[in-house]
């Protein structure tokens, strides 16, 4: 395998591993937090209806941010909050149309961009989950929903991670074989061969990381 090809494959493998790690964190955090994923204060949400159309629509993925102080929210902001929908507690993401602040308690009237009237129930301070960052991914929520299933987690997370570690194992074994080949005509013992193989493997990894970093900077 040429050096260029090995670098490309290694970079792709690391990208897959990092993506798998992030998705794994999101999946596990959502399981422990009432279905809400949270990654460093950012909350990815799957859109479940077309009530905010055309701003975003069912199946999209929107990125919200935790709200440190609800008093900073203003009319026109889009917020995600807990409410009652068809008799069940559920998450909703609508735009603020009015604010009621008596100095002690604060609540928000909301409405979907595609709805003709305000929501029946206000969103209270304790109901607020986050504020939309105005970032969304078309149909990204469908992908996220699939990744949160057992089948999706196995296909998109476990298999790529297994391939990554097998690839790294292959590179290490290849390095050992190269050192053994180079030391055939010498008196190198087994420990020396292992030591040189590890050094060669680590040097190759460092070169690949530097090449990937330089490529990103350029």
N, C-alpha and C. Protein backbone atom coordinates (compact mmCIF):
# COMPACT_ATOMS: atom_id res chain seq x y z
N UNK A 1 0.84 -1.19 0.00
CA UNK A 1 0.00 0.00 0.00
C UNK A 1 0.88 1.25 0.00
N UNK A 2 0.67 2.15 -0.97
CA UNK A 2 1.49 3.35 -1.05
C UNK A 2 1.26 4.26 0.15
N UNK A 3 2.26 5.14 0.42
CA UNK A 3 2.15 6.03 1.58
C UNK A 3 0.96 6.97 1.46
N UNK A 4 0.73 7.50 0.24
CA UNK A 4 -0.39 8.43 0.03
C UNK A 4 -1.72 7.73 0.31
N UNK A 5 -1.86 6.51 -0.20
CA UNK A 5 -3.10 5.76 0.00
C UNK A 5 -3.29 5.44 1.47
N UNK A 6 -2.20 5.08 2.17
CA UNK A 6 -2.30 4.78 3.59
C UNK A 6 -2.73 6.01 4.39
N UNK A 7 -2.21 7.17 4.01
CA UNK A 7 -2.59 8.40 4.71
C UNK A 7 -4.08 8.69 4.50
N UNK A 8 -4.53 8.57 3.24
CA UNK A 8 -5.94 8.83 2.92
C UNK A 8 -6.85 7.89 3.70
N UNK A 9 -6.52 6.61 3.68
CA UNK A 9 -7.34 5.61 4.38
C UNK A 9 -7.32 5.88 5.88
N UNK A 10 -6.16 6.23 6.41
CA UNK A 10 -6.05 6.51 7.85
C UNK A 10 -6.88 7.72 8.26
N UNK A 11 -6.82 8.79 7.46
CA UNK A 11 -7.61 9.99 7.76
C UNK A 11 -9.09 9.67 7.73
N UNK A 12 -9.54 8.94 6.70
CA UNK A 12 -10.95 8.55 6.61
C UNK A 12 -11.36 7.68 7.80
N UNK A 13 -10.46 6.79 8.21
CA UNK A 13 -10.76 5.92 9.34
C UNK A 13 -10.93 6.74 10.62
N UNK A 14 -10.06 7.74 10.81
CA UNK A 14 -10.17 8.58 12.00
C UNK A 14 -11.44 9.42 11.97
N UNK A 15 -11.81 9.92 10.81
CA UNK A 15 -13.05 10.70 10.68
C UNK A 15 -14.25 9.83 11.07
N UNK A 16 -14.26 8.59 10.57
CA UNK A 16 -15.35 7.66 10.89
C UNK A 16 -15.37 7.37 12.39
N UNK A 17 -14.18 7.16 12.98
CA UNK A 17 -14.11 6.85 14.40
C UNK A 17 -14.61 8.02 15.25
N UNK A 18 -14.19 9.24 14.90
CA UNK A 18 -14.62 10.43 15.65
C UNK A 18 -16.13 10.62 15.53
N UNK A 19 -16.65 10.46 14.29
CA UNK A 19 -18.09 10.59 14.08
C UNK A 19 -18.85 9.55 14.88
N UNK A 20 -18.33 8.32 14.89
CA UNK A 20 -18.98 7.25 15.65
C UNK A 20 -18.96 7.56 17.13
N UNK A 21 -17.86 8.12 17.62
CA UNK A 21 -17.74 8.46 19.03
C UNK A 21 -18.74 9.54 19.42
N UNK A 22 -18.86 10.58 18.57
CA UNK A 22 -19.81 11.66 18.84
C UNK A 22 -21.25 11.15 18.86
N UNK A 23 -21.59 10.35 17.84
CA UNK A 23 -22.95 9.81 17.77
C UNK A 23 -23.24 8.92 18.97
N UNK A 24 -22.24 8.13 19.38
CA UNK A 24 -22.41 7.27 20.56
C UNK A 24 -22.71 8.10 21.80
N UNK A 25 -21.97 9.21 21.97
CA UNK A 25 -22.22 10.09 23.11
C UNK A 25 -23.64 10.66 23.06
N UNK A 26 -24.06 11.08 21.87
CA UNK A 26 -25.40 11.65 21.73
C UNK A 26 -26.48 10.63 22.05
N UNK A 27 -26.28 9.41 21.54
CA UNK A 27 -27.28 8.36 21.78
C UNK A 27 -27.39 8.04 23.26
N UNK A 28 -26.25 7.85 23.93
CA UNK A 28 -26.28 7.50 25.34
C UNK A 28 -26.77 8.66 26.21
N UNK A 29 -26.40 9.89 25.84
CA UNK A 29 -26.86 11.04 26.62
C UNK A 29 -28.37 11.22 26.49
N UNK A 30 -28.90 10.93 25.30
CA UNK A 30 -30.35 11.06 25.11
C UNK A 30 -31.10 10.00 25.92
N UNK A 31 -30.51 8.81 26.03
CA UNK A 31 -31.16 7.74 26.80
C UNK A 31 -31.22 8.08 28.28
N UNK A 32 -30.27 8.89 28.76
CA UNK A 32 -30.20 9.23 30.18
C UNK A 32 -30.86 10.56 30.51
N UNK A 33 -31.32 11.29 29.48
CA UNK A 33 -31.84 12.64 29.71
C UNK A 33 -33.18 12.86 29.04
N UNK A 34 -34.11 11.95 29.28
CA UNK A 34 -35.48 12.08 28.74
C UNK A 34 -35.52 12.23 27.23
N UNK A 35 -34.59 11.55 26.54
CA UNK A 35 -34.59 11.60 25.09
C UNK A 35 -33.92 12.83 24.50
N UNK A 36 -33.28 13.65 25.35
CA UNK A 36 -32.63 14.87 24.86
C UNK A 36 -31.12 14.67 24.83
N UNK A 37 -30.54 14.74 23.64
CA UNK A 37 -29.09 14.64 23.52
C UNK A 37 -28.47 16.00 23.82
N UNK A 38 -27.31 15.98 24.46
CA UNK A 38 -26.63 17.23 24.79
C UNK A 38 -25.13 17.03 24.62
N UNK A 39 -24.53 17.80 23.73
CA UNK A 39 -23.10 17.69 23.48
C UNK A 39 -22.46 19.06 23.67
N UNK A 40 -21.84 19.26 24.84
CA UNK A 40 -21.17 20.52 25.16
C UNK A 40 -22.12 21.71 25.06
N UNK A 41 -23.35 21.51 25.53
CA UNK A 41 -24.32 22.59 25.54
C UNK A 41 -25.16 22.70 24.28
N UNK A 42 -24.81 21.95 23.24
CA UNK A 42 -25.58 21.96 22.00
C UNK A 42 -26.52 20.76 21.97
N UNK A 43 -27.74 21.00 21.51
CA UNK A 43 -28.78 19.98 21.57
C UNK A 43 -29.34 19.73 20.17
N UNK A 44 -28.99 18.60 19.56
CA UNK A 44 -29.58 18.26 18.25
C UNK A 44 -30.99 17.73 18.44
N UNK A 45 -31.93 18.24 17.65
CA UNK A 45 -33.32 17.83 17.80
C UNK A 45 -33.89 17.40 16.45
N UNK A 46 -34.60 16.29 16.45
CA UNK A 46 -35.29 15.83 15.26
C UNK A 46 -36.65 16.50 15.18
N UNK A 47 -36.97 17.13 14.06
CA UNK A 47 -38.25 17.81 13.88
C UNK A 47 -39.33 16.76 13.61
N UNK A 48 -40.40 16.81 14.40
CA UNK A 48 -41.43 15.78 14.33
C UNK A 48 -42.69 16.20 13.58
N UNK A 49 -42.77 17.48 13.18
CA UNK A 49 -43.96 17.93 12.46
C UNK A 49 -43.60 19.08 11.50
N UNK A 50 -44.58 19.49 10.71
CA UNK A 50 -44.37 20.59 9.76
C UNK A 50 -44.89 21.92 10.30
N UNK A 51 -45.06 22.04 11.61
CA UNK A 51 -45.65 23.26 12.17
C UNK A 51 -44.75 24.49 11.99
N UNK A 52 -43.44 24.28 11.75
CA UNK A 52 -42.52 25.41 11.55
C UNK A 52 -42.17 25.61 10.09
N UNK A 53 -42.83 24.91 9.22
CA UNK A 53 -42.57 25.06 7.79
C UNK A 53 -42.95 26.46 7.33
N UNK A 54 -42.17 27.16 6.52
CA UNK A 54 -41.02 26.69 5.75
C UNK A 54 -39.66 26.87 6.43
N UNK A 55 -39.61 27.32 7.68
CA UNK A 55 -38.33 27.53 8.36
C UNK A 55 -37.55 26.22 8.44
N UNK A 56 -38.20 25.19 8.91
CA UNK A 56 -37.70 23.81 8.82
C UNK A 56 -38.91 22.91 8.86
N UNK A 57 -38.73 21.65 8.48
CA UNK A 57 -39.87 20.76 8.35
C UNK A 57 -39.59 19.39 8.94
N UNK A 58 -40.62 18.56 8.96
CA UNK A 58 -40.54 17.23 9.54
C UNK A 58 -39.38 16.45 8.95
N UNK A 59 -38.59 15.82 9.83
CA UNK A 59 -37.45 15.03 9.38
C UNK A 59 -36.13 15.77 9.39
N UNK A 60 -36.18 17.11 9.50
CA UNK A 60 -34.95 17.90 9.56
C UNK A 60 -34.29 17.73 10.93
N UNK A 61 -33.02 18.09 10.98
CA UNK A 61 -32.29 18.11 12.25
C UNK A 61 -31.94 19.55 12.57
N UNK A 62 -32.37 20.04 13.73
CA UNK A 62 -32.05 21.40 14.13
C UNK A 62 -31.10 21.37 15.32
N UNK A 63 -30.28 22.39 15.44
CA UNK A 63 -29.31 22.48 16.53
C UNK A 63 -29.72 23.59 17.47
N UNK A 64 -30.02 23.23 18.72
CA UNK A 64 -30.38 24.20 19.74
C UNK A 64 -29.22 24.38 20.73
N UNK A 65 -29.31 25.42 21.52
CA UNK A 65 -28.28 25.70 22.52
C UNK A 65 -28.95 25.91 23.86
N UNK A 66 -28.33 25.40 24.92
CA UNK A 66 -28.87 25.61 26.27
C UNK A 66 -29.03 27.10 26.56
N UNK A 67 -30.06 27.43 27.32
CA UNK A 67 -30.33 28.83 27.68
C UNK A 67 -29.91 29.05 29.13
N UNK A 68 -28.90 29.90 29.33
CA UNK A 68 -28.42 30.17 30.69
C UNK A 68 -29.39 31.08 31.46
N UNK A 69 -29.97 32.03 30.75
CA UNK A 69 -30.88 32.99 31.40
C UNK A 69 -32.08 33.21 30.47
N UNK A 70 -33.25 32.72 30.86
CA UNK A 70 -34.43 32.83 30.00
C UNK A 70 -34.85 34.29 29.79
N UNK A 71 -34.40 35.18 30.67
CA UNK A 71 -34.74 36.60 30.50
C UNK A 71 -34.07 37.21 29.28
N UNK A 72 -33.07 36.50 28.73
CA UNK A 72 -32.40 36.98 27.53
C UNK A 72 -33.18 36.61 26.27
N UNK A 73 -34.15 35.72 26.41
CA UNK A 73 -34.98 35.35 25.27
C UNK A 73 -35.87 36.51 24.89
N UNK A 74 -36.13 36.65 23.60
CA UNK A 74 -36.94 37.78 23.14
C UNK A 74 -37.93 37.31 22.08
N UNK A 75 -38.87 38.18 21.80
CA UNK A 75 -39.87 37.89 20.78
C UNK A 75 -39.19 37.64 19.44
N UNK A 76 -39.58 36.56 18.79
CA UNK A 76 -38.98 36.18 17.51
C UNK A 76 -37.99 35.04 17.62
N UNK A 77 -37.49 34.78 18.85
CA UNK A 77 -36.60 33.63 19.05
C UNK A 77 -37.38 32.33 18.88
N UNK A 78 -36.69 31.31 18.40
CA UNK A 78 -37.30 29.97 18.29
C UNK A 78 -36.75 29.12 19.43
N UNK A 79 -37.64 28.57 20.23
CA UNK A 79 -37.23 27.81 21.41
C UNK A 79 -37.81 26.39 21.38
N UNK A 80 -37.09 25.50 22.04
CA UNK A 80 -37.58 24.13 22.25
C UNK A 80 -38.01 24.03 23.71
N UNK A 81 -39.18 23.48 23.94
CA UNK A 81 -39.73 23.45 25.30
C UNK A 81 -40.65 22.24 25.48
N UNK A 82 -40.85 21.89 26.74
CA UNK A 82 -41.79 20.82 27.06
C UNK A 82 -43.20 21.39 27.09
N UNK A 83 -44.15 20.62 26.53
CA UNK A 83 -45.54 21.03 26.54
C UNK A 83 -46.42 19.78 26.52
N UNK A 84 -47.71 19.99 26.43
CA UNK A 84 -48.65 18.88 26.33
C UNK A 84 -49.22 18.85 24.92
N UNK A 85 -49.03 17.74 24.22
CA UNK A 85 -49.55 17.57 22.87
C UNK A 85 -50.39 16.30 22.84
N UNK A 86 -51.66 16.47 22.50
CA UNK A 86 -52.62 15.35 22.46
C UNK A 86 -52.61 14.56 23.77
N UNK A 87 -52.56 15.32 24.88
CA UNK A 87 -52.65 14.70 26.20
C UNK A 87 -51.36 14.10 26.72
N UNK A 88 -50.25 14.25 25.98
CA UNK A 88 -48.98 13.67 26.40
C UNK A 88 -47.90 14.74 26.48
N UNK A 89 -46.99 14.58 27.46
CA UNK A 89 -45.87 15.49 27.57
C UNK A 89 -44.92 15.26 26.40
N UNK A 90 -44.58 16.32 25.70
CA UNK A 90 -43.73 16.19 24.51
C UNK A 90 -42.91 17.46 24.30
N UNK A 91 -41.87 17.33 23.51
CA UNK A 91 -41.05 18.48 23.14
C UNK A 91 -41.65 19.19 21.94
N UNK A 92 -41.54 20.51 21.94
CA UNK A 92 -42.05 21.30 20.82
C UNK A 92 -41.05 22.42 20.54
N UNK A 93 -40.96 22.82 19.29
CA UNK A 93 -40.05 23.91 18.91
C UNK A 93 -40.84 24.93 18.11
N UNK A 94 -41.14 26.07 18.72
CA UNK A 94 -41.92 27.13 18.07
C UNK A 94 -41.29 28.49 18.35
N UNK A 95 -41.80 29.49 17.65
CA UNK A 95 -41.27 30.85 17.76
C UNK A 95 -42.02 31.63 18.85
N UNK A 96 -41.28 32.43 19.62
CA UNK A 96 -41.88 33.26 20.66
C UNK A 96 -42.66 34.41 20.02
N UNK A 97 -43.92 34.53 20.39
CA UNK A 97 -44.75 35.63 19.87
C UNK A 97 -45.08 36.66 20.95
N UNK A 98 -44.86 36.29 22.20
CA UNK A 98 -45.14 37.22 23.29
C UNK A 98 -44.50 36.74 24.59
N UNK A 99 -44.24 37.68 25.49
CA UNK A 99 -43.60 37.35 26.77
C UNK A 99 -44.39 37.98 27.91
N UNK A 100 -44.67 37.17 28.92
CA UNK A 100 -45.37 37.65 30.11
C UNK A 100 -44.42 37.54 31.30
N UNK A 101 -43.94 38.68 31.78
CA UNK A 101 -42.97 38.71 32.87
C UNK A 101 -43.48 39.63 33.97
N UNK A 102 -43.85 39.04 35.11
CA UNK A 102 -44.37 39.85 36.22
C UNK A 102 -43.30 40.18 37.26
N UNK A 103 -42.04 39.88 36.89
CA UNK A 103 -40.94 40.14 37.80
C UNK A 103 -40.56 38.94 38.63
N UNK A 104 -41.50 38.00 38.78
CA UNK A 104 -41.23 36.78 39.55
C UNK A 104 -41.26 35.55 38.65
N UNK A 105 -42.32 35.49 37.87
CA UNK A 105 -42.48 34.37 36.93
C UNK A 105 -42.48 34.90 35.49
N UNK A 106 -41.99 34.07 34.58
CA UNK A 106 -41.96 34.47 33.18
C UNK A 106 -42.46 33.31 32.33
N UNK A 107 -43.29 33.65 31.35
CA UNK A 107 -43.81 32.63 30.44
C UNK A 107 -43.79 33.19 29.02
N UNK A 108 -43.86 32.29 28.05
CA UNK A 108 -43.73 32.69 26.65
C UNK A 108 -44.89 32.14 25.84
N UNK A 109 -45.51 33.00 25.07
CA UNK A 109 -46.50 32.56 24.10
C UNK A 109 -45.74 32.19 22.83
N UNK A 110 -46.13 31.09 22.22
CA UNK A 110 -45.40 30.59 21.05
C UNK A 110 -46.35 30.23 19.92
N UNK A 111 -45.76 30.13 18.74
CA UNK A 111 -46.55 29.74 17.57
C UNK A 111 -45.62 29.15 16.51
N UNK A 112 -46.07 28.10 15.86
CA UNK A 112 -45.33 27.56 14.73
C UNK A 112 -45.45 28.49 13.54
N UNK A 113 -44.37 28.64 12.77
CA UNK A 113 -44.40 29.55 11.61
C UNK A 113 -45.46 29.16 10.60
N UNK A 114 -45.83 27.89 10.59
CA UNK A 114 -46.85 27.44 9.65
C UNK A 114 -48.24 27.37 10.24
N UNK A 115 -48.40 27.81 11.49
CA UNK A 115 -49.70 27.76 12.16
C UNK A 115 -50.41 29.12 12.12
N UNK A 116 -51.74 29.11 12.08
CA UNK A 116 -52.49 30.36 11.99
C UNK A 116 -52.67 31.08 13.33
N UNK A 117 -52.45 30.37 14.45
CA UNK A 117 -52.67 31.00 15.76
C UNK A 117 -51.65 30.51 16.78
N UNK A 118 -51.58 31.22 17.92
CA UNK A 118 -50.64 30.84 18.99
C UNK A 118 -51.01 29.49 19.58
N UNK A 119 -50.01 28.88 20.22
CA UNK A 119 -50.25 27.62 20.92
C UNK A 119 -51.19 27.84 22.10
N UNK A 120 -51.95 26.81 22.45
CA UNK A 120 -52.93 26.93 23.53
C UNK A 120 -52.26 27.16 24.88
N UNK A 121 -51.11 26.50 25.12
CA UNK A 121 -50.44 26.60 26.41
C UNK A 121 -49.16 27.43 26.29
N UNK A 122 -48.90 28.28 27.28
CA UNK A 122 -47.64 29.04 27.28
C UNK A 122 -46.49 28.13 27.71
N UNK A 123 -45.26 28.54 27.38
CA UNK A 123 -44.07 27.82 27.83
C UNK A 123 -43.50 28.55 29.03
N UNK A 124 -43.43 27.87 30.16
CA UNK A 124 -42.90 28.49 31.38
C UNK A 124 -41.38 28.30 31.46
N UNK A 125 -40.79 29.04 32.37
CA UNK A 125 -39.33 29.03 32.52
C UNK A 125 -38.78 27.62 32.69
N UNK A 126 -39.45 26.80 33.51
CA UNK A 126 -38.97 25.44 33.77
C UNK A 126 -39.17 24.50 32.58
N UNK A 127 -39.94 24.94 31.58
CA UNK A 127 -40.21 24.11 30.41
C UNK A 127 -39.14 24.26 29.32
N UNK A 128 -38.35 25.34 29.40
CA UNK A 128 -37.42 25.66 28.31
C UNK A 128 -36.26 24.68 28.27
N UNK A 129 -36.02 24.12 27.10
CA UNK A 129 -34.91 23.19 26.89
C UNK A 129 -33.74 23.88 26.20
N UNK A 130 -34.03 24.70 25.21
CA UNK A 130 -32.96 25.38 24.49
C UNK A 130 -33.49 26.37 23.46
N UNK A 131 -32.58 27.12 22.87
CA UNK A 131 -32.91 28.10 21.84
C UNK A 131 -32.28 27.65 20.52
N UNK A 132 -33.05 27.73 19.45
CA UNK A 132 -32.55 27.32 18.13
C UNK A 132 -31.42 28.24 17.70
N UNK A 133 -30.33 27.64 17.20
CA UNK A 133 -29.16 28.40 16.76
C UNK A 133 -29.28 28.87 15.31
N UNK A 134 -30.42 28.59 14.68
CA UNK A 134 -30.65 28.89 13.27
C UNK A 134 -29.82 28.00 12.36
N UNK A 135 -29.35 26.89 12.90
CA UNK A 135 -28.64 25.88 12.12
C UNK A 135 -29.52 24.64 11.98
N UNK A 136 -29.65 24.15 10.77
CA UNK A 136 -30.46 22.95 10.54
C UNK A 136 -29.86 22.14 9.41
N UNK A 137 -30.15 20.84 9.43
CA UNK A 137 -29.67 19.93 8.39
C UNK A 137 -30.88 19.25 7.77
N UNK A 138 -31.03 19.43 6.48
CA UNK A 138 -32.18 18.88 5.77
C UNK A 138 -32.23 17.36 5.92
N UNK A 139 -33.31 16.86 6.48
CA UNK A 139 -33.55 15.43 6.69
C UNK A 139 -32.51 14.77 7.60
N UNK A 140 -31.72 15.57 8.29
CA UNK A 140 -30.73 15.02 9.21
C UNK A 140 -31.36 14.30 10.39
N UNK A 141 -32.58 14.70 10.74
CA UNK A 141 -33.28 14.05 11.84
C UNK A 141 -33.63 12.61 11.53
N UNK A 142 -33.88 12.33 10.25
CA UNK A 142 -34.18 10.95 9.84
C UNK A 142 -32.95 10.07 10.09
N UNK A 143 -31.78 10.62 9.73
CA UNK A 143 -30.53 9.88 9.93
C UNK A 143 -30.27 9.65 11.41
N UNK A 144 -30.46 10.72 12.21
CA UNK A 144 -30.24 10.60 13.65
C UNK A 144 -31.20 9.59 14.27
N UNK A 145 -32.44 9.61 13.83
CA UNK A 145 -33.42 8.66 14.34
C UNK A 145 -33.01 7.23 14.03
N UNK A 146 -32.46 7.01 12.82
CA UNK A 146 -32.00 5.67 12.44
C UNK A 146 -30.81 5.24 13.29
N UNK A 147 -29.88 6.17 13.56
CA UNK A 147 -28.71 5.85 14.36
C UNK A 147 -29.07 5.48 15.79
N UNK A 148 -30.20 5.96 16.26
CA UNK A 148 -30.63 5.68 17.64
C UNK A 148 -31.33 4.33 17.76
N UNK A 149 -31.56 3.65 16.64
CA UNK A 149 -32.11 2.31 16.68
C UNK A 149 -30.97 1.30 16.81
N UNK A 150 -31.28 0.09 17.26
CA UNK A 150 -30.25 -0.94 17.39
C UNK A 150 -29.61 -1.27 16.05
N UNK A 151 -30.44 -1.37 15.02
CA UNK A 151 -29.94 -1.70 13.68
C UNK A 151 -29.02 -0.59 13.17
N UNK A 152 -29.44 0.65 13.33
CA UNK A 152 -28.64 1.78 12.85
C UNK A 152 -27.33 1.88 13.60
N UNK A 153 -27.38 1.67 14.93
CA UNK A 153 -26.17 1.74 15.75
C UNK A 153 -25.18 0.66 15.32
N UNK A 154 -25.68 -0.52 15.02
CA UNK A 154 -24.81 -1.63 14.62
C UNK A 154 -24.17 -1.37 13.26
N UNK A 155 -24.98 -0.93 12.29
CA UNK A 155 -24.49 -0.74 10.93
C UNK A 155 -23.57 0.47 10.82
N UNK A 156 -23.95 1.57 11.44
CA UNK A 156 -23.23 2.83 11.23
C UNK A 156 -22.18 3.13 12.29
N UNK A 157 -22.23 2.44 13.42
CA UNK A 157 -21.28 2.74 14.51
C UNK A 157 -20.36 1.55 14.78
N UNK A 158 -20.93 0.41 15.14
CA UNK A 158 -20.11 -0.72 15.54
C UNK A 158 -19.27 -1.27 14.39
N UNK A 159 -19.87 -1.43 13.22
CA UNK A 159 -19.12 -1.98 12.08
C UNK A 159 -17.97 -1.06 11.67
N UNK A 160 -18.20 0.27 11.48
CA UNK A 160 -17.06 1.15 11.15
C UNK A 160 -15.96 1.14 12.22
N UNK A 161 -16.34 1.08 13.50
CA UNK A 161 -15.34 1.04 14.56
C UNK A 161 -14.53 -0.25 14.48
N UNK A 162 -15.20 -1.37 14.19
CA UNK A 162 -14.50 -2.64 14.06
C UNK A 162 -13.53 -2.60 12.89
N UNK A 163 -13.97 -2.03 11.77
CA UNK A 163 -13.10 -1.91 10.59
C UNK A 163 -11.89 -1.05 10.91
N UNK A 164 -12.10 0.03 11.66
CA UNK A 164 -11.00 0.93 12.02
C UNK A 164 -9.94 0.18 12.83
N UNK A 165 -10.38 -0.54 13.86
CA UNK A 165 -9.42 -1.24 14.71
C UNK A 165 -8.73 -2.39 13.98
N UNK A 166 -9.44 -3.05 13.06
CA UNK A 166 -8.82 -4.10 12.25
C UNK A 166 -7.76 -3.50 11.32
N UNK A 167 -8.06 -2.31 10.78
CA UNK A 167 -7.10 -1.63 9.91
C UNK A 167 -5.84 -1.25 10.68
N UNK A 168 -6.03 -0.74 11.90
CA UNK A 168 -4.88 -0.38 12.73
C UNK A 168 -4.08 -1.63 13.11
N UNK A 169 -4.76 -2.75 13.37
CA UNK A 169 -4.08 -4.00 13.69
C UNK A 169 -3.28 -4.48 12.49
N UNK A 170 -3.88 -4.35 11.29
CA UNK A 170 -3.18 -4.74 10.07
C UNK A 170 -1.90 -3.92 9.89
N UNK A 171 -1.99 -2.61 10.14
CA UNK A 171 -0.81 -1.76 9.97
C UNK A 171 0.28 -2.14 10.96
N UNK A 172 -0.10 -2.49 12.19
CA UNK A 172 0.89 -2.86 13.19
C UNK A 172 1.56 -4.19 12.82
N UNK A 173 0.75 -5.17 12.38
CA UNK A 173 1.31 -6.46 11.97
C UNK A 173 2.24 -6.27 10.78
N UNK A 174 1.83 -5.42 9.84
CA UNK A 174 2.66 -5.14 8.67
C UNK A 174 4.00 -4.53 9.09
N UNK A 175 3.95 -3.63 10.09
CA UNK A 175 5.17 -3.01 10.59
C UNK A 175 6.09 -4.05 11.21
N UNK A 176 5.51 -5.00 11.98
CA UNK A 176 6.30 -6.07 12.59
C UNK A 176 6.97 -6.92 11.51
N UNK A 177 6.21 -7.27 10.48
CA UNK A 177 6.75 -8.09 9.39
C UNK A 177 7.88 -7.37 8.67
N UNK A 178 7.75 -6.06 8.48
CA UNK A 178 8.80 -5.30 7.81
C UNK A 178 10.07 -5.29 8.64
N UNK A 179 9.93 -5.11 9.95
CA UNK A 179 11.11 -5.10 10.83
C UNK A 179 11.76 -6.48 10.85
N UNK A 180 10.94 -7.53 10.91
CA UNK A 180 11.48 -8.89 10.88
C UNK A 180 12.25 -9.15 9.59
N UNK A 181 11.65 -8.67 8.49
CA UNK A 181 12.30 -8.85 7.19
C UNK A 181 13.63 -8.14 7.14
N UNK A 182 13.66 -6.90 7.69
CA UNK A 182 14.89 -6.13 7.68
C UNK A 182 15.94 -6.75 8.60
N UNK A 183 15.48 -7.47 9.64
CA UNK A 183 16.43 -8.03 10.59
C UNK A 183 16.74 -9.49 10.36
N UNK A 184 16.37 -10.02 9.19
CA UNK A 184 16.61 -11.43 8.90
C UNK A 184 18.09 -11.79 8.94
N UNK A 185 18.91 -10.89 8.42
CA UNK A 185 20.34 -11.16 8.34
C UNK A 185 21.12 -10.63 9.54
N UNK A 186 20.41 -10.27 10.59
CA UNK A 186 21.07 -9.75 11.78
C UNK A 186 20.74 -10.63 12.97
N UNK A 187 21.28 -10.28 14.11
CA UNK A 187 21.07 -11.07 15.32
C UNK A 187 19.99 -10.45 16.22
N UNK A 188 19.03 -9.77 15.63
CA UNK A 188 17.98 -9.14 16.43
C UNK A 188 17.15 -10.21 17.15
N UNK A 189 16.91 -9.98 18.44
CA UNK A 189 16.04 -10.91 19.16
C UNK A 189 14.59 -10.46 19.05
N UNK A 190 13.68 -11.24 19.60
CA UNK A 190 12.24 -10.99 19.47
C UNK A 190 11.83 -9.66 20.10
N UNK A 191 12.40 -9.34 21.25
CA UNK A 191 12.06 -8.09 21.93
C UNK A 191 12.50 -6.88 21.13
N UNK A 192 13.68 -6.98 20.52
CA UNK A 192 14.18 -5.88 19.70
C UNK A 192 13.32 -5.67 18.47
N UNK A 193 12.85 -6.76 17.89
CA UNK A 193 11.97 -6.67 16.72
C UNK A 193 10.66 -5.98 17.09
N UNK A 194 10.08 -6.36 18.25
CA UNK A 194 8.84 -5.73 18.70
C UNK A 194 9.04 -4.24 18.96
N UNK A 195 10.18 -3.92 19.60
CA UNK A 195 10.45 -2.52 19.92
C UNK A 195 10.57 -1.68 18.66
N UNK A 196 11.29 -2.19 17.67
CA UNK A 196 11.46 -1.45 16.43
C UNK A 196 10.14 -1.34 15.66
N UNK A 197 9.34 -2.41 15.73
CA UNK A 197 8.04 -2.39 15.05
C UNK A 197 7.14 -1.33 15.65
N UNK A 198 7.14 -1.24 16.99
CA UNK A 198 6.31 -0.23 17.66
C UNK A 198 6.78 1.17 17.31
N UNK A 199 8.11 1.37 17.31
CA UNK A 199 8.66 2.68 16.96
C UNK A 199 8.29 3.07 15.54
N UNK A 200 8.39 2.11 14.62
CA UNK A 200 8.05 2.38 13.22
C UNK A 200 6.56 2.69 13.07
N UNK A 201 5.73 1.95 13.80
CA UNK A 201 4.28 2.16 13.74
C UNK A 201 3.91 3.54 14.27
N UNK A 202 4.50 3.92 15.41
CA UNK A 202 4.21 5.23 16.00
C UNK A 202 4.72 6.36 15.12
N UNK A 203 5.90 6.15 14.51
CA UNK A 203 6.43 7.18 13.61
C UNK A 203 5.53 7.37 12.40
N UNK A 204 4.99 6.28 11.89
CA UNK A 204 4.08 6.35 10.75
C UNK A 204 2.79 7.06 11.12
N UNK A 205 2.27 6.77 12.34
CA UNK A 205 1.05 7.43 12.81
C UNK A 205 1.26 8.93 12.95
N UNK A 206 2.43 9.32 13.49
CA UNK A 206 2.73 10.74 13.65
C UNK A 206 2.81 11.45 12.31
N UNK A 207 3.41 10.76 11.32
CA UNK A 207 3.52 11.34 9.99
C UNK A 207 2.15 11.52 9.35
N UNK A 208 1.27 10.52 9.55
CA UNK A 208 -0.08 10.60 8.99
C UNK A 208 -0.86 11.74 9.62
N UNK A 209 -0.73 11.90 10.97
CA UNK A 209 -1.45 12.98 11.67
C UNK A 209 -0.96 14.35 11.23
N UNK A 210 0.37 14.47 11.04
CA UNK A 210 0.93 15.75 10.58
C UNK A 210 0.47 16.07 9.16
N UNK A 211 0.41 15.02 8.31
CA UNK A 211 -0.04 15.24 6.94
C UNK A 211 -1.50 15.66 6.91
N UNK A 212 -2.32 14.99 7.75
CA UNK A 212 -3.75 15.35 7.82
C UNK A 212 -3.93 16.76 8.34
N UNK A 213 -3.13 17.15 9.34
CA UNK A 213 -3.23 18.49 9.92
C UNK A 213 -2.83 19.54 8.90
N UNK A 214 -1.75 19.27 8.15
CA UNK A 214 -1.30 20.22 7.14
C UNK A 214 -2.33 20.37 6.02
N UNK A 215 -3.00 19.25 5.71
CA UNK A 215 -4.03 19.30 4.66
C UNK A 215 -5.20 20.15 5.08
N UNK A 216 -5.60 20.05 6.39
CA UNK A 216 -6.70 20.85 6.91
C UNK A 216 -6.36 22.33 6.92
N UNK A 217 -5.11 22.64 7.30
CA UNK A 217 -4.69 24.05 7.37
C UNK A 217 -4.62 24.69 6.00
N UNK A 218 -4.23 23.90 4.99
CA UNK A 218 -4.13 24.44 3.63
C UNK A 218 -5.49 24.52 2.97
